[in-house]
Each structure stands twice: as C-alpha cells, then as structure tokens.
N, C-alpha and C. Protein backbone atom coordinates (compact mmCIF):
# COMPACT_ATOMS: atom_id res chain seq x y z
N MET A 1 9.02 1.54 12.46
CA MET A 1 10.46 1.31 11.38
C MET A 1 9.58 2.29 10.67
N SER A 2 10.44 3.25 10.06
CA SER A 2 9.84 4.23 9.08
C SER A 2 10.72 4.27 8.15
N PHE A 3 10.76 5.18 7.10
CA PHE A 3 11.32 4.83 5.98
C PHE A 3 12.28 6.37 5.33
N ARG A 4 12.67 6.41 4.18
CA ARG A 4 13.14 7.82 4.18
C ARG A 4 13.78 7.02 2.51
N LEU A 5 13.35 7.98 1.75
CA LEU A 5 13.88 7.76 0.44
C LEU A 5 14.77 8.64 -0.39
N PRO A 6 15.81 8.64 -1.46
CA PRO A 6 16.60 9.43 -1.61
C PRO A 6 15.99 10.90 -2.62
N GLY A 7 16.21 11.53 -2.05
CA GLY A 7 15.38 12.86 -2.95
C GLY A 7 14.18 13.13 -2.13
N ILE A 8 13.66 12.78 -1.40
CA ILE A 8 12.47 12.81 -0.71
C ILE A 8 12.70 13.47 0.48
N PRO A 9 11.59 14.41 1.27
CA PRO A 9 11.67 15.17 2.79
C PRO A 9 11.43 13.68 3.51
N ASP A 10 11.90 13.80 4.35
CA ASP A 10 11.83 13.20 5.61
C ASP A 10 9.89 13.26 5.96
N PRO A 11 8.98 12.16 5.67
CA PRO A 11 7.62 12.70 5.81
C PRO A 11 7.57 12.71 7.23
N VAL A 12 7.87 12.07 8.01
CA VAL A 12 7.44 11.95 9.32
C VAL A 12 8.15 13.52 10.47
N MET A 13 9.20 14.19 9.82
CA MET A 13 9.63 14.97 10.30
C MET A 13 9.26 16.03 9.47
N SER A 14 8.70 16.08 8.47
CA SER A 14 7.76 17.35 7.70
C SER A 14 6.59 17.50 8.18
N THR A 15 5.77 16.99 8.75
CA THR A 15 4.31 16.90 9.00
C THR A 15 4.24 16.28 10.71
N GLY A 16 5.17 15.32 11.19
CA GLY A 16 4.91 15.00 12.39
C GLY A 16 3.59 14.09 12.55
N GLN A 17 3.23 13.34 11.13
CA GLN A 17 2.15 12.68 10.91
C GLN A 17 2.26 11.15 10.50
N ALA A 18 2.19 10.27 11.07
CA ALA A 18 2.75 9.13 10.60
C ALA A 18 2.22 7.62 10.94
N LEU A 19 1.80 6.69 10.22
CA LEU A 19 1.10 5.15 10.84
C LEU A 19 2.53 4.66 10.97
N ASN A 20 2.17 3.53 11.86
CA ASN A 20 3.53 2.53 11.78
C ASN A 20 3.12 1.42 12.80
N GLU A 21 2.05 0.38 11.99
CA GLU A 21 1.86 -0.53 12.65
C GLU A 21 2.20 -2.21 11.77
N SER A 22 2.52 -2.99 12.94
CA SER A 22 2.46 -4.41 12.36
C SER A 22 1.17 -5.14 12.62
N TYR A 23 0.98 -6.07 11.75
CA TYR A 23 -0.65 -7.22 12.12
C TYR A 23 0.07 -8.63 11.70
N PRO A 24 -0.60 -9.55 12.33
CA PRO A 24 -0.31 -10.61 11.94
C PRO A 24 -0.63 -11.06 10.45
N ALA A 25 0.30 -11.93 9.90
CA ALA A 25 0.02 -12.24 8.30
C ALA A 25 -1.26 -13.10 8.48
N SER A 26 -2.81 -12.48 8.58
CA SER A 26 -3.29 -13.40 8.69
C SER A 26 -5.01 -12.86 7.89
N PRO A 27 -5.59 -13.52 7.12
CA PRO A 27 -6.94 -12.80 6.15
C PRO A 27 -7.64 -12.05 6.86
N LEU A 28 -7.61 -12.25 8.43
CA LEU A 28 -8.20 -11.34 9.08
C LEU A 28 -7.81 -9.65 9.52
N SER A 29 -6.82 -10.02 9.29
CA SER A 29 -5.40 -8.37 9.41
C SER A 29 -6.10 -7.32 8.18
N VAL A 30 -5.93 -8.23 6.86
CA VAL A 30 -6.41 -7.45 5.85
C VAL A 30 -7.42 -6.09 6.36
N PRO A 31 -8.36 -6.28 6.50
CA PRO A 31 -9.41 -5.40 6.61
C PRO A 31 -9.23 -4.73 7.86
N ARG A 32 -8.55 -4.42 8.99
CA ARG A 32 -7.83 -4.18 10.07
C ARG A 32 -6.98 -3.00 9.87
N ALA A 33 -5.96 -3.34 8.97
CA ALA A 33 -5.00 -2.93 8.35
C ALA A 33 -5.04 -1.91 7.63
N ARG A 34 -6.00 -2.32 6.37
CA ARG A 34 -6.55 -1.69 5.30
C ARG A 34 -7.49 0.05 5.55
N GLU A 35 -8.51 -0.39 7.01
CA GLU A 35 -9.20 0.74 7.54
C GLU A 35 -7.98 1.81 8.09
N ALA A 36 -6.71 1.39 8.73
CA ALA A 36 -6.12 1.84 9.37
C ALA A 36 -5.32 2.96 8.75
N VAL A 37 -5.32 2.11 7.64
CA VAL A 37 -4.36 3.33 6.65
C VAL A 37 -5.42 4.38 5.80
N VAL A 38 -6.86 3.72 5.46
CA VAL A 38 -7.92 5.13 5.21
C VAL A 38 -7.88 5.67 5.65
N ARG A 39 -8.41 5.12 7.01
CA ARG A 39 -8.55 6.43 8.48
C ARG A 39 -7.09 7.11 8.47
N PHE A 40 -6.09 6.91 8.30
CA PHE A 40 -4.84 8.00 8.19
C PHE A 40 -4.92 8.55 7.32
N ALA A 41 -5.16 8.24 5.94
CA ALA A 41 -5.24 9.03 4.68
C ALA A 41 -6.38 10.06 4.91
N ARG A 42 -7.20 10.01 5.07
CA ARG A 42 -8.33 10.77 5.58
C ARG A 42 -7.96 11.85 6.46
N GLU A 43 -7.40 11.78 7.57
CA GLU A 43 -7.03 12.68 8.37
C GLU A 43 -5.92 13.33 7.98
N SER A 44 -5.20 12.78 6.87
CA SER A 44 -4.27 13.87 6.59
C SER A 44 -4.85 14.29 5.15
N GLY A 45 -5.74 14.55 4.76
CA GLY A 45 -6.68 15.30 3.94
C GLY A 45 -6.66 15.01 2.26
N ALA A 46 -6.70 13.65 2.47
CA ALA A 46 -7.27 12.59 0.97
C ALA A 46 -8.64 12.99 0.91
N THR A 47 -8.97 12.91 -0.79
CA THR A 47 -10.42 13.50 -1.00
C THR A 47 -11.17 12.32 -0.77
N GLU A 48 -12.07 11.87 -1.34
CA GLU A 48 -12.54 10.73 -1.48
C GLU A 48 -12.19 9.45 -2.41
N GLU A 49 -12.27 10.34 -3.92
CA GLU A 49 -11.47 9.97 -5.04
C GLU A 49 -10.15 9.56 -4.47
N GLN A 50 -9.44 9.94 -3.80
CA GLN A 50 -7.98 9.62 -3.39
C GLN A 50 -7.83 8.30 -2.52
N LEU A 51 -9.32 8.82 -1.54
CA LEU A 51 -8.92 7.43 -0.93
C LEU A 51 -9.76 5.89 -1.14
N GLU A 52 -10.64 6.18 -1.96
CA GLU A 52 -10.87 4.76 -3.16
C GLU A 52 -9.23 4.56 -3.53
N ALA A 53 -8.56 4.91 -4.29
CA ALA A 53 -7.36 4.61 -4.82
C ALA A 53 -6.59 4.20 -3.83
N ILE A 54 -6.27 4.89 -2.44
CA ILE A 54 -5.32 4.44 -1.65
C ILE A 54 -6.16 3.11 -1.35
N ARG A 55 -7.34 2.73 -0.51
CA ARG A 55 -7.82 1.90 -0.04
C ARG A 55 -7.62 0.33 -1.03
N LEU A 56 -7.68 0.60 -2.49
CA LEU A 56 -7.77 -0.34 -3.19
C LEU A 56 -6.03 -1.08 -3.40
N ALA A 57 -5.37 -0.14 -3.07
CA ALA A 57 -3.72 -0.63 -3.55
C ALA A 57 -3.51 -0.54 -1.94
N ALA A 58 -3.78 -0.25 -0.40
CA ALA A 58 -3.42 -1.16 0.24
C ALA A 58 -3.92 -2.43 0.60
N SER A 59 -5.32 -2.77 -0.08
CA SER A 59 -5.82 -3.98 0.34
C SER A 59 -4.91 -5.02 -0.47
N GLU A 60 -4.59 -4.73 -2.15
CA GLU A 60 -4.01 -5.46 -2.70
C GLU A 60 -2.90 -5.53 -2.24
N ALA A 61 -1.67 -4.68 -1.67
CA ALA A 61 -0.17 -4.73 -1.17
C ALA A 61 -0.63 -6.01 0.09
N ILE A 62 -1.71 -5.55 0.92
CA ILE A 62 -1.57 -6.38 2.21
C ILE A 62 -1.98 -7.88 1.95
N THR A 63 -2.98 -7.79 1.47
CA THR A 63 -3.35 -9.30 0.85
C THR A 63 -2.34 -10.20 0.17
N ASN A 64 -1.31 -9.46 -0.47
CA ASN A 64 -0.19 -10.08 -1.14
C ASN A 64 0.72 -10.61 -0.33
N ALA A 65 1.10 -9.53 0.69
CA ALA A 65 1.94 -10.46 2.26
C ALA A 65 1.39 -11.28 2.40
N VAL A 66 0.24 -11.02 3.29
CA VAL A 66 -0.55 -12.49 3.91
C VAL A 66 -0.45 -13.49 3.00
N THR A 67 -0.81 -13.17 1.49
CA THR A 67 -1.21 -14.67 1.10
C THR A 67 0.77 -15.42 0.50
N HIS A 68 1.43 -14.24 0.11
CA HIS A 68 2.51 -14.99 -0.59
C HIS A 68 3.60 -14.99 0.80
N ALA A 69 3.89 -14.01 1.58
CA ALA A 69 5.21 -14.12 2.16
C ALA A 69 5.62 -15.13 3.26
N TYR A 70 4.79 -15.79 3.75
CA TYR A 70 5.22 -16.81 4.42
C TYR A 70 4.54 -18.10 4.59
N GLY A 71 5.06 -19.64 4.80
CA GLY A 71 4.50 -20.79 4.57
C GLY A 71 3.31 -20.91 6.06
N GLU A 72 2.54 -21.66 5.83
CA GLU A 72 1.95 -22.28 6.51
C GLU A 72 2.56 -22.69 8.08
N GLU A 73 3.74 -23.22 7.71
CA GLU A 73 4.73 -23.31 9.15
C GLU A 73 5.41 -22.43 9.48
N ASN A 74 5.70 -21.15 9.06
CA ASN A 74 6.31 -19.81 9.47
C ASN A 74 5.32 -18.45 9.48
N PRO A 75 4.53 -18.28 10.39
CA PRO A 75 3.88 -17.39 10.40
C PRO A 75 4.52 -16.41 10.27
N GLY A 76 4.23 -15.04 10.16
CA GLY A 76 5.26 -13.63 10.61
C GLY A 76 3.69 -12.55 10.11
N ALA A 77 4.35 -11.41 10.47
CA ALA A 77 3.74 -10.34 10.25
C ALA A 77 3.91 -9.50 8.93
N VAL A 78 2.57 -8.52 9.00
CA VAL A 78 2.82 -7.64 8.10
C VAL A 78 2.79 -6.05 8.90
N HIS A 79 4.01 -5.69 7.94
CA HIS A 79 4.21 -4.17 8.78
C HIS A 79 3.79 -2.80 7.75
N VAL A 80 2.90 -1.98 8.03
CA VAL A 80 2.27 -0.88 7.53
C VAL A 80 2.67 0.35 8.15
N THR A 81 3.25 1.00 6.81
CA THR A 81 4.08 2.54 7.29
C THR A 81 3.24 3.67 6.78
N ALA A 82 2.71 4.60 6.84
CA ALA A 82 2.02 5.51 6.04
C ALA A 82 2.72 7.11 6.74
N ALA A 83 2.82 7.71 5.91
CA ALA A 83 3.64 9.00 6.05
C ALA A 83 2.85 10.36 4.92
N CYS A 84 3.18 11.82 5.52
CA CYS A 84 2.36 12.39 4.69
C CYS A 84 3.78 13.55 4.81
N THR A 85 3.95 14.17 3.65
CA THR A 85 4.84 14.97 2.77
C THR A 85 3.41 16.07 2.44
N PRO A 86 3.63 17.71 2.70
CA PRO A 86 2.78 18.16 1.62
C PRO A 86 2.19 18.04 0.23
N GLY A 87 0.99 17.52 0.39
CA GLY A 87 0.23 17.25 -0.85
C GLY A 87 0.62 16.07 -1.36
N GLU A 88 0.87 15.36 -0.56
CA GLU A 88 1.11 13.79 -0.90
C GLU A 88 1.27 12.72 0.48
N LEU A 89 0.55 11.51 0.40
CA LEU A 89 0.87 10.45 0.88
C LEU A 89 1.83 9.10 0.24
N TRP A 90 2.52 8.74 1.56
CA TRP A 90 3.72 7.11 1.38
C TRP A 90 3.04 6.29 2.21
N LEU A 91 2.99 5.14 1.19
CA LEU A 91 2.71 4.35 1.68
C LEU A 91 3.47 3.09 1.79
N LEU A 92 3.70 2.47 2.88
CA LEU A 92 4.78 1.24 2.44
C LEU A 92 4.11 -0.09 3.46
N ILE A 93 4.05 -1.37 2.11
CA ILE A 93 3.59 -2.64 2.80
C ILE A 93 4.79 -3.35 3.03
N ALA A 94 5.33 -3.92 3.94
CA ALA A 94 6.62 -4.86 4.42
C ALA A 94 6.23 -5.88 4.76
N ASP A 95 6.93 -7.29 4.48
CA ASP A 95 6.75 -8.30 5.43
C ASP A 95 8.40 -8.84 5.34
N ASP A 96 8.24 -9.79 6.27
CA ASP A 96 9.84 -10.32 6.58
C ASP A 96 9.96 -11.64 5.96
N GLY A 97 9.12 -12.16 4.58
CA GLY A 97 8.95 -13.31 4.54
C GLY A 97 9.91 -13.66 3.62
N ARG A 98 9.52 -15.02 2.18
CA ARG A 98 10.28 -15.57 1.52
C ARG A 98 10.92 -14.28 0.34
N GLY A 99 10.31 -13.16 0.03
CA GLY A 99 10.60 -12.60 -0.84
C GLY A 99 10.11 -13.00 -2.36
N LEU A 100 9.97 -11.93 -2.92
CA LEU A 100 9.34 -12.18 -4.16
C LEU A 100 10.28 -12.95 -5.26
N HIS A 101 9.41 -13.95 -5.69
CA HIS A 101 9.81 -15.03 -6.78
C HIS A 101 8.81 -15.69 -7.38
N ALA A 102 8.85 -15.76 -8.67
CA ALA A 102 7.69 -16.91 -9.77
C ALA A 102 7.84 -17.82 -8.91
N ARG A 103 6.21 -18.34 -9.16
CA ARG A 103 5.68 -19.53 -8.64
C ARG A 103 4.72 -20.22 -9.78
N SER A 104 4.58 -21.00 -9.91
CA SER A 104 3.50 -21.95 -10.87
C SER A 104 2.61 -22.37 -10.18
N ASN A 105 2.29 -22.45 -8.83
CA ASN A 105 0.95 -22.95 -7.94
C ASN A 105 0.61 -21.73 -7.23
N SER A 106 0.89 -20.37 -7.86
CA SER A 106 0.33 -19.29 -7.19
C SER A 106 -1.27 -18.96 -7.03
N PRO A 107 -1.44 -18.94 -5.21
CA PRO A 107 -2.86 -18.79 -5.76
C PRO A 107 -3.23 -17.10 -5.86
N GLY A 108 -4.65 -17.06 -6.18
CA GLY A 108 -4.90 -15.64 -6.87
C GLY A 108 -4.82 -15.78 -7.99
N LEU A 109 -5.01 -14.59 -8.55
CA LEU A 109 -5.31 -13.86 -10.44
C LEU A 109 -4.55 -13.24 -10.62
N GLY A 110 -2.98 -12.80 -9.83
CA GLY A 110 -1.78 -11.94 -10.04
C GLY A 110 -2.16 -10.68 -10.79
N MET A 111 -3.31 -10.23 -10.23
CA MET A 111 -3.95 -8.52 -11.05
C MET A 111 -3.35 -7.94 -9.46
N GLY A 112 -2.95 -7.89 -8.61
CA GLY A 112 -3.01 -6.71 -7.58
C GLY A 112 -1.85 -6.44 -7.81
N LEU A 113 -0.51 -6.48 -8.49
CA LEU A 113 0.69 -5.33 -8.47
C LEU A 113 -0.11 -4.66 -10.03
N ALA A 114 -0.59 -5.37 -10.55
CA ALA A 114 -1.02 -4.38 -11.83
C ALA A 114 -2.12 -3.63 -11.17
N LEU A 115 -2.90 -4.01 -10.45
CA LEU A 115 -3.53 -2.88 -9.84
C LEU A 115 -2.97 -1.66 -9.12
N ILE A 116 -1.72 -1.88 -8.28
CA ILE A 116 -1.60 -0.85 -7.29
C ILE A 116 -1.02 0.32 -8.36
N ALA A 117 0.06 -0.63 -9.59
CA ALA A 117 0.58 0.18 -10.54
C ALA A 117 -0.60 1.14 -11.37
N CYS A 118 -1.65 0.96 -11.63
CA CYS A 118 -2.59 1.59 -12.14
C CYS A 118 -3.15 3.01 -11.48
N VAL A 119 -3.13 2.31 -9.99
CA VAL A 119 -4.14 3.31 -9.01
C VAL A 119 -3.07 4.54 -8.22
N ALA A 120 -2.06 3.95 -8.41
CA ALA A 120 -0.91 4.26 -7.19
C ALA A 120 -0.05 5.89 -8.05
N ASP A 121 0.62 7.31 -7.67
CA ASP A 121 1.30 7.77 -8.17
C ASP A 121 2.51 7.64 -8.64
N TYR A 122 3.21 6.57 -7.65
CA TYR A 122 4.59 5.89 -8.16
C TYR A 122 4.47 4.49 -7.07
N PHE A 123 5.19 3.75 -7.64
CA PHE A 123 4.69 2.42 -7.15
C PHE A 123 6.62 1.30 -7.20
N ALA A 124 6.72 1.07 -6.21
CA ALA A 124 7.99 0.15 -6.52
C ALA A 124 8.00 -1.28 -5.86
N VAL A 125 8.73 -2.11 -6.07
CA VAL A 125 8.67 -3.32 -4.64
C VAL A 125 10.36 -3.33 -4.83
N MET A 126 10.40 -3.71 -3.61
CA MET A 126 11.58 -3.72 -2.95
C MET A 126 12.08 -4.61 -2.33
N LYS A 127 13.17 -5.71 -2.76
CA LYS A 127 13.89 -6.41 -1.48
C LYS A 127 14.48 -5.92 -0.53
N ARG A 128 13.77 -6.38 0.92
CA ARG A 128 14.54 -5.73 1.85
C ARG A 128 15.88 -5.87 2.35
N ALA A 129 16.48 -5.38 2.65
CA ALA A 129 17.78 -5.95 3.29
C ALA A 129 18.21 -6.72 4.36
N SER A 130 16.82 -6.97 5.23
CA SER A 130 16.73 -7.83 6.14
C SER A 130 15.67 -9.07 5.97
N GLY A 131 15.64 -9.35 4.72
CA GLY A 131 14.76 -10.34 4.34
C GLY A 131 13.32 -10.08 3.84
N GLY A 132 12.46 -10.88 2.98
CA GLY A 132 11.12 -10.20 2.64
C GLY A 132 10.75 -9.20 1.58
N THR A 133 9.94 -8.58 1.08
CA THR A 133 9.19 -7.66 0.49
C THR A 133 8.55 -6.53 0.96
N GLU A 134 9.25 -5.37 0.44
CA GLU A 134 9.11 -3.75 0.61
C GLU A 134 7.63 -3.37 -0.68
N ILE A 135 6.36 -2.75 -0.77
CA ILE A 135 6.03 -2.31 -1.73
C ILE A 135 6.03 -0.84 -1.22
N ARG A 136 6.55 0.09 -2.40
CA ARG A 136 6.35 1.30 -2.06
C ARG A 136 5.32 2.23 -2.81
N MET A 137 4.16 3.09 -2.05
CA MET A 137 3.62 3.66 -3.02
C MET A 137 3.34 5.22 -2.59
N ARG A 138 2.99 5.88 -3.51
CA ARG A 138 2.69 7.73 -3.17
C ARG A 138 1.83 7.87 -3.48
N PHE A 139 0.88 8.38 -3.18
CA PHE A 139 -0.55 8.91 -4.29
C PHE A 139 -0.10 10.83 -3.33
N ALA A 140 -1.19 11.42 -4.52
CA ALA A 140 -0.97 12.69 -4.37
C ALA A 140 -2.42 12.62 -3.21
N THR A 141 -2.65 13.54 -2.47
CA THR A 141 -3.77 14.19 -1.62
C THR A 141 -3.92 15.60 -1.69
N GLY A 142 -5.03 15.78 -1.28
CA GLY A 142 -5.90 17.23 -0.72
C GLY A 142 -6.52 17.52 -2.26
N VAL A 143 -7.49 18.54 -1.89
CA VAL A 143 -8.67 19.10 -2.81
C VAL A 143 -7.51 19.86 -4.06
N GLY A 144 -7.71 19.45 -5.20
CA GLY A 144 -6.81 20.15 -6.29
C GLY A 144 -5.87 19.45 -6.86
N ARG A 145 -5.72 18.70 -5.98
CA ARG A 145 -4.31 17.52 -6.34
C ARG A 145 -4.51 16.49 -7.03
N PRO A 146 -4.77 16.63 -8.48
CA PRO A 146 -4.86 15.39 -9.41
C PRO A 146 -4.17 14.22 -9.18
N SER A 147 -4.39 13.19 -8.78
CA SER A 147 -3.64 12.18 -9.26
C SER A 147 -3.90 11.15 -10.53
N ARG A 148 -2.56 10.64 -10.22
CA ARG A 148 -2.58 9.74 -11.93
C ARG A 148 -3.84 9.04 -12.40
N HIS A 149 -4.70 8.48 -11.29
CA HIS A 149 -5.81 7.77 -11.99
C HIS A 149 -7.14 8.35 -11.47
N SER A 150 -6.79 9.66 -11.97
CA SER A 150 -7.75 10.32 -11.64
C SER A 150 -7.73 10.93 -13.13
N ARG A 151 -6.83 10.87 -13.80
CA ARG A 151 -6.67 11.35 -15.66
C ARG A 151 -6.58 10.29 -16.13
N MET A 152 -7.06 9.16 -15.82
CA MET A 152 -7.44 8.06 -16.66
C MET A 152 -8.84 8.14 -17.24
N ASN A 153 -8.92 7.02 -18.03
CA ASN A 153 -10.40 7.07 -18.10
C ASN A 153 -11.44 5.98 -17.35
N GLY A 154 -12.43 6.74 -17.28
CA GLY A 154 -13.72 5.92 -16.39
C GLY A 154 -12.96 5.95 -14.82
N SER A 155 -13.32 4.83 -13.89
CA SER A 155 -13.05 5.80 -12.75
C SER A 155 -12.65 4.35 -11.97
N LEU A 156 -12.12 4.16 -10.47
CA LEU A 156 -12.07 3.28 -9.94
C LEU A 156 -13.36 2.13 -9.24
N ALA A 157 -14.54 3.33 -9.70
CA ALA A 157 -15.49 2.77 -9.15
C ALA A 157 -15.63 1.25 -10.02
N SER A 158 -15.68 1.56 -11.05
CA SER A 158 -15.88 1.05 -12.45
C SER A 158 -15.09 -0.62 -12.09
N LEU A 159 -13.87 -0.75 -11.36
CA LEU A 159 -13.30 -1.71 -11.25
C LEU A 159 -14.49 -2.70 -10.39
N ASN A 160 -15.38 -1.61 -9.55
CA ASN A 160 -15.92 -2.88 -8.66
C ASN A 160 -17.52 -3.25 -9.03
N ALA A 161 -17.82 -2.38 -9.88
CA ALA A 161 -19.19 -2.66 -10.38
C ALA A 161 -19.39 -4.30 -10.87
N ALA A 162 -20.35 -4.41 -11.16
CA ALA A 162 -20.62 -5.93 -11.64
C ALA A 162 -21.01 -5.40 -12.80
N ALA A 163 -20.47 -6.55 -13.55
CA ALA A 163 -20.48 -6.78 -15.07
C ALA A 163 -21.89 -7.08 -15.75
C-alpha cells in the first residue's frame, strides 16, 4: 500500500525510503508495529524529541485500529505505511474495519486522537474508499527542524510522568 496526497511530492519516489507493513489487529501487534515505525523514523533522521512524538502518535493510532476497527467475530489487519520527504516523515495507519462512528460503549478514554493532534504537525482522519479508516500524520524530522509540539509549553515527557 502506498499513498499520495495532493500537492505533496511522492515520498517513496523522493527518497526511496518507505515502510509498508501489515499486522494482525491484536494488542500484541501494537508494540511490534510501533517499534517498526520508530526504527524507520530513526533511520530517516528523526531526532530523539521527534521520535518521542512519532512513537506516541503511532502507538495511539495503531491502538485505535486494534480496539475499534473490527469486532471479535471479524478479525482483520492494521496497515502501517511510513515514508520520508526531505525534512518530514509521513505516517499512515489504516484498517479495513467498520469505519469511524460514535459509540456510547467505547472502550478506552477517548484521548487518542486528541493526543495525535497535539504531537503531529499535520493530522487527518479519512474514510477509506475500500472501507475502514486511515489516519494520516506528518512530522518534521531532522536536526534544526522544529515540529509543532516542540513549540508547545512543557514536553511530551510530561505526558508520561507520574502525577
């Protein structure tokens, strides 16, 4: 699976670097998929601060797909695509599930998408034409490339600190 956004150069063609993996929609897949994304981002030049944001956003998006996309009777896959353009990393997390809809019995705290919006430089939730949901994220990468979250007060580390 590859992606192309209007007005954005094709990341795969620009650098030749891409990650394209699918994982079972299982809680056991979340750390495997997250670490694959972080490894790709590190190899693509992301700084430690940028990796922190990418790790958090990837974890939240993958967890959302695992938790919400499929019912127990219909297991599916989570598709992870990452690609680089000069100075930025694009990350797409997709599923072939039920799509995004309001639920009164939703598991979790409902903070995942809000956290992603806070740490990504660009964020969108898309309905896939083939069914399911796709979360698109962009992060500034490389030394001297401030990302949106680095301009916020505090740090991402404080999100994980004990109260």
